[in-house]
């Protein structure tokens, strides 16, 4: 088996959907990333190509079932998804810090060996204070 602590290449299929009061958007990416496992925590790292250029992304799957998503571009965004909980995050923008909240009504994580592969399905609501900014769905599949 590959040394997961040192990291191994991983194939990623990512679909994201966003819906707010004005419109909806969806994005699909097929890309190569890296998977690292330290203890029971799995890190999936990849680079999205978007309007902002290259955006490094890290998905951290924790042993307690929570998932942390970090996007580090001109703005730094770190969201924590914890089923059934409202979690506050600080969105670092060029204009300063902004508090945003995630509520995760549905999250499903399936990881299996032989070869190592997995699926993440995260449905979440994004709030600024009491204002709903949008409804989001993330579907990430990975395989070594």
C-alpha atoms as a PDB file:
ATOM      1  CA  UNK A   1       0.000   0.000   0.000  1.00  0.00           C
ATOM      2  CA  UNK A   2       1.147   3.528  -0.742  1.00  0.00           C
ATOM      3  CA  UNK A   3       2.590   5.690   2.008  1.00  0.00           C
ATOM      4  CA  UNK A   4      -0.431   7.903   2.685  1.00  0.00           C
ATOM      5  CA  UNK A   5       1.448  10.006   5.228  1.00  0.00           C
ATOM      6  CA  UNK A   6       3.827  11.192   2.489  1.00  0.00           C
ATOM      7  CA  UNK A   7       0.931  11.765   0.098  1.00  0.00           C
ATOM      8  CA  UNK A   8      -0.250  10.040  -3.046  1.00  0.00           C
ATOM      9  CA  UNK A   9      -1.754  11.372  -6.281  1.00  0.00           C
ATOM     10  CA  UNK A  10      -5.538  11.129  -6.415  1.00  0.00           C
ATOM     11  CA  UNK A  11      -8.071  11.585  -9.216  1.00  0.00           C
ATOM     12  CA  UNK A  12     -10.904  13.938  -8.248  1.00  0.00           C
ATOM     13  CA  UNK A  13     -14.333  14.527  -9.725  1.00  0.00           C
ATOM     14  CA  UNK A  14     -15.924  17.591  -8.138  1.00  0.00           C
ATOM     15  CA  UNK A  15     -19.377  19.062  -8.683  1.00  0.00           C
ATOM     16  CA  UNK A  16     -20.542  22.180  -6.865  1.00  0.00           C
ATOM     17  CA  UNK A  17     -23.994  23.738  -7.113  1.00  0.00           C
ATOM     18  CA  UNK A  18     -25.049  27.096  -5.712  1.00  0.00           C
ATOM     19  CA  UNK A  19     -28.507  28.613  -5.571  1.00  0.00           C
ATOM     20  CA  UNK A  20     -29.524  31.998  -4.164  1.00  0.00           C
ATOM     21  CA  UNK A  21     -32.446  34.387  -4.632  1.00  0.00           C
ATOM     22  CA  UNK A  22     -31.109  35.725  -7.953  1.00  0.00           C
ATOM     23  CA  UNK A  23     -29.671  32.715  -9.777  1.00  0.00           C
ATOM     24  CA  UNK A  24     -28.019  29.337  -9.643  1.00  0.00           C
ATOM     25  CA  UNK A  25     -24.653  28.084 -10.857  1.00  0.00           C
ATOM     26  CA  UNK A  26     -22.960  24.746 -11.123  1.00  0.00           C
ATOM     27  CA  UNK A  27     -19.347  23.815 -11.759  1.00  0.00           C
ATOM     28  CA  UNK A  28     -17.737  20.494 -12.633  1.00  0.00           C
ATOM     29  CA  UNK A  29     -14.012  19.772 -12.307  1.00  0.00           C
ATOM     30  CA  UNK A  30     -12.033  16.642 -13.143  1.00  0.00           C
ATOM     31  CA  UNK A  31      -8.517  17.040 -11.822  1.00  0.00           C
ATOM     32  CA  UNK A  32      -5.551  15.456 -10.130  1.00  0.00           C
ATOM     33  CA  UNK A  33      -4.838  16.255  -6.506  1.00  0.00           C
ATOM     34  CA  UNK A  34      -3.037  14.776  -3.552  1.00  0.00           C
ATOM     35  CA  UNK A  35      -4.298  12.685  -0.648  1.00  0.00           C
ATOM     36  CA  UNK A  36      -2.465  12.645   2.687  1.00  0.00           C
ATOM     37  CA  UNK A  37      -3.524  10.644   5.732  1.00  0.00           C
ATOM     38  CA  UNK A  38      -2.173  11.540   9.158  1.00  0.00           C
ATOM     39  CA  UNK A  39      -3.579   9.290  11.841  1.00  0.00           C
ATOM     40  CA  UNK A  40      -7.306   9.021  11.114  1.00  0.00           C
ATOM     41  CA  UNK A  41      -7.498  12.426   9.403  1.00  0.00           C
ATOM     42  CA  UNK A  42      -7.565  12.550   5.589  1.00  0.00           C
ATOM     43  CA  UNK A  43      -6.494  15.629   3.631  1.00  0.00           C
ATOM     44  CA  UNK A  44      -7.372  16.052  -0.033  1.00  0.00           C
ATOM     45  CA  UNK A  45      -5.562  18.901  -1.762  1.00  0.00           C
ATOM     46  CA  UNK A  46      -6.148  20.231  -5.259  1.00  0.00           C
ATOM     47  CA  UNK A  47      -6.099  23.430  -7.291  1.00  0.00           C
ATOM     48  CA  UNK A  48      -9.292  24.821  -8.837  1.00  0.00           C
ATOM     49  CA  UNK A  49      -9.047  26.986 -11.917  1.00  0.00           C
ATOM     50  CA  UNK A  50     -11.653  29.733 -11.852  1.00  0.00           C
ATOM     51  CA  UNK A  51     -12.264  33.425 -12.371  1.00  0.00           C
ATOM     52  CA  UNK A  52      -9.748  34.171  -9.599  1.00  0.00           C
ATOM     53  CA  UNK A  53      -7.070  32.087 -11.353  1.00  0.00           C
ATOM     54  CA  UNK A  54      -5.570  29.147  -9.488  1.00  0.00           C
ATOM     55  CA  UNK A  55      -7.179  28.546  -6.099  1.00  0.00           C
ATOM     56  CA  UNK A  56      -5.515  26.035  -3.735  1.00  0.00           C
ATOM     57  CA  UNK A  57      -8.170  23.992  -1.903  1.00  0.00           C
ATOM     58  CA  UNK A  58      -7.802  21.596   1.037  1.00  0.00           C
ATOM     59  CA  UNK A  59     -10.574  19.276   2.221  1.00  0.00           C
ATOM     60  CA  UNK A  60      -9.903  17.877   5.705  1.00  0.00           C
ATOM     61  CA  UNK A  61     -11.997  14.858   6.701  1.00  0.00           C
ATOM     62  CA  UNK A  62     -11.808  14.454  10.468  1.00  0.00           C
ATOM     63  CA  UNK A  63     -12.348  11.278  12.511  1.00  0.00           C
ATOM     64  CA  UNK A  64     -15.439  12.784  14.216  1.00  0.00           C
ATOM     65  CA  UNK A  65     -17.176  13.124  10.824  1.00  0.00           C
ATOM     66  CA  UNK A  66     -16.700  16.878  10.417  1.00  0.00           C
ATOM     67  CA  UNK A  67     -15.198  18.306   7.234  1.00  0.00           C
ATOM     68  CA  UNK A  68     -13.168  21.509   6.910  1.00  0.00           C
ATOM     69  CA  UNK A  69     -12.865  23.194   3.510  1.00  0.00           C
ATOM     70  CA  UNK A  70     -10.111  25.770   3.021  1.00  0.00           C
ATOM     71  CA  UNK A  71      -9.827  27.930  -0.102  1.00  0.00           C
ATOM     72  CA  UNK A  72      -6.719  30.110  -0.163  1.00  0.00           C
ATOM     73  CA  UNK A  73      -6.791  32.649  -2.989  1.00  0.00           C
ATOM     74  CA  UNK A  74      -6.799  36.456  -2.751  1.00  0.00           C
ATOM     75  CA  UNK A  75      -9.421  35.854  -0.078  1.00  0.00           C
ATOM     76  CA  UNK A  76      -9.043  33.083   2.495  1.00  0.00           C
ATOM     77  CA  UNK A  77     -12.137  31.060   3.281  1.00  0.00           C
ATOM     78  CA  UNK A  78     -12.270  28.254   5.821  1.00  0.00           C
ATOM     79  CA  UNK A  79     -15.624  26.544   6.335  1.00  0.00           C
ATOM     80  CA  UNK A  80     -16.441  23.806   8.836  1.00  0.00           C
ATOM     81  CA  UNK A  81     -19.251  21.399   8.034  1.00  0.00           C
ATOM     82  CA  UNK A  82     -20.700  19.657  11.060  1.00  0.00           C
ATOM     83  CA  UNK A  83     -24.038  17.878  10.526  1.00  0.00           C
ATOM     84  CA  UNK A  84     -26.972  19.693  12.121  1.00  0.00           C
ATOM     85  CA  UNK A  85     -24.865  22.498  13.583  1.00  0.00           C
ATOM     86  CA  UNK A  86     -24.508  26.199  12.809  1.00  0.00           C
ATOM     87  CA  UNK A  87     -20.796  27.054  12.683  1.00  0.00           C
ATOM     88  CA  UNK A  88     -19.300  30.550  12.380  1.00  0.00           C
ATOM     89  CA  UNK A  89     -16.303  31.126  10.132  1.00  0.00           C
ATOM     90  CA  UNK A  90     -14.207  34.185   9.403  1.00  0.00           C
ATOM     91  CA  UNK A  91     -13.871  35.050   5.720  1.00  0.00           C
ATOM     92  CA  UNK A  92     -10.674  36.999   5.159  1.00  0.00           C
ATOM     93  CA  UNK A  93     -11.170  39.359   2.214  1.00  0.00           C
ATOM     94  CA  UNK A  94      -8.994  42.204   0.910  1.00  0.00           C
ATOM     95  CA  UNK A  95     -11.511  44.508   2.671  1.00  0.00           C
ATOM     96  CA  UNK A  96     -11.249  42.854   6.086  1.00  0.00           C
ATOM     97  CA  UNK A  97     -12.808  39.982   8.025  1.00  0.00           C
ATOM     98  CA  UNK A  98     -16.426  38.994   7.491  1.00  0.00           C
ATOM     99  CA  UNK A  99     -18.296  36.526   9.713  1.00  0.00           C
ATOM    100  CA  UNK A 100     -20.264  33.885   7.855  1.00  0.00           C
ATOM    101  CA  UNK A 101     -22.119  30.843   9.150  1.00  0.00           C
ATOM    102  CA  UNK A 102     -22.646  27.403   7.676  1.00  0.00           C
ATOM    103  CA  UNK A 103     -25.556  25.123   8.522  1.00  0.00           C
ATOM    104  CA  UNK A 104     -25.124  21.567   7.268  1.00  0.00           C
ATOM    105  CA  UNK A 105     -28.459  19.734   7.092  1.00  0.00           C
ATOM    106  CA  UNK A 106     -27.052  16.797   5.092  1.00  0.00           C
ATOM    107  CA  UNK A 107     -23.601  15.277   4.864  1.00  0.00           C
ATOM    108  CA  UNK A 108     -22.550  11.806   3.763  1.00  0.00           C
ATOM    109  CA  UNK A 109     -18.981  10.461   3.684  1.00  0.00           C
ATOM    110  CA  UNK A 110     -18.093   7.038   2.299  1.00  0.00           C
ATOM    111  CA  UNK A 111     -14.463   5.893   2.148  1.00  0.00           C
ATOM    112  CA  UNK A 112     -13.325   2.406   1.201  1.00  0.00           C
ATOM    113  CA  UNK A 113     -10.054   0.545   0.557  1.00  0.00           C
ATOM    114  CA  UNK A 114      -8.852  -1.555  -2.351  1.00  0.00           C
ATOM    115  CA  UNK A 115      -8.130   0.826  -4.034  1.00  0.00           C
ATOM    116  CA  UNK A 116      -8.630   3.733  -1.663  1.00  0.00           C
ATOM    117  CA  UNK A 117     -11.578   5.807  -2.886  1.00  0.00           C
ATOM    118  CA  UNK A 118     -14.336   7.903  -1.455  1.00  0.00           C
ATOM    119  CA  UNK A 119     -17.391  10.070  -1.926  1.00  0.00           C
ATOM    120  CA  UNK A 120     -18.343  13.222  -0.046  1.00  0.00           C
ATOM    121  CA  UNK A 121     -21.779  14.761  -0.336  1.00  0.00           C
ATOM    122  CA  UNK A 122     -22.264  18.015   1.577  1.00  0.00           C
ATOM    123  CA  UNK A 123     -25.398  20.157   1.458  1.00  0.00           C
ATOM    124  CA  UNK A 124     -25.086  23.425   3.334  1.00  0.00           C
ATOM    125  CA  UNK A 125     -26.621  26.842   3.809  1.00  0.00           C
ATOM    126  CA  UNK A 126     -24.403  29.918   3.942  1.00  0.00           C
ATOM    127  CA  UNK A 127     -25.434  32.899   6.094  1.00  0.00           C
ATOM    128  CA  UNK A 128     -24.136  36.406   6.786  1.00  0.00           C
ATOM    129  CA  UNK A 129     -25.809  37.147  10.099  1.00  0.00           C
ATOM    130  CA  UNK A 130     -29.443  36.149   9.600  1.00  0.00           C
ATOM    131  CA  UNK A 131     -29.342  36.691   5.813  1.00  0.00           C
ATOM    132  CA  UNK A 132     -29.259  33.521   3.733  1.00  0.00           C
ATOM    133  CA  UNK A 133     -26.574  33.999   1.072  1.00  0.00           C
ATOM    134  CA  UNK A 134     -27.202  30.707  -0.704  1.00  0.00           C
ATOM    135  CA  UNK A 135     -27.765  26.978  -0.695  1.00  0.00           C
ATOM    136  CA  UNK A 136     -24.779  24.897  -1.731  1.00  0.00           C
ATOM    137  CA  UNK A 137     -24.123  21.279  -2.690  1.00  0.00           C
ATOM    138  CA  UNK A 138     -20.673  19.751  -2.942  1.00  0.00           C
ATOM    139  CA  UNK A 139     -20.147  16.309  -4.483  1.00  0.00           C
ATOM    140  CA  UNK A 140     -16.541  15.116  -4.409  1.00  0.00           C
ATOM    141  CA  UNK A 141     -15.376  11.708  -5.571  1.00  0.00           C
ATOM    142  CA  UNK A 142     -11.755  10.612  -5.298  1.00  0.00           C
ATOM    143  CA  UNK A 143      -9.744   7.527  -6.145  1.00  0.00           C
ATOM    144  CA  UNK A 144      -6.081   6.617  -6.048  1.00  0.00           C
END
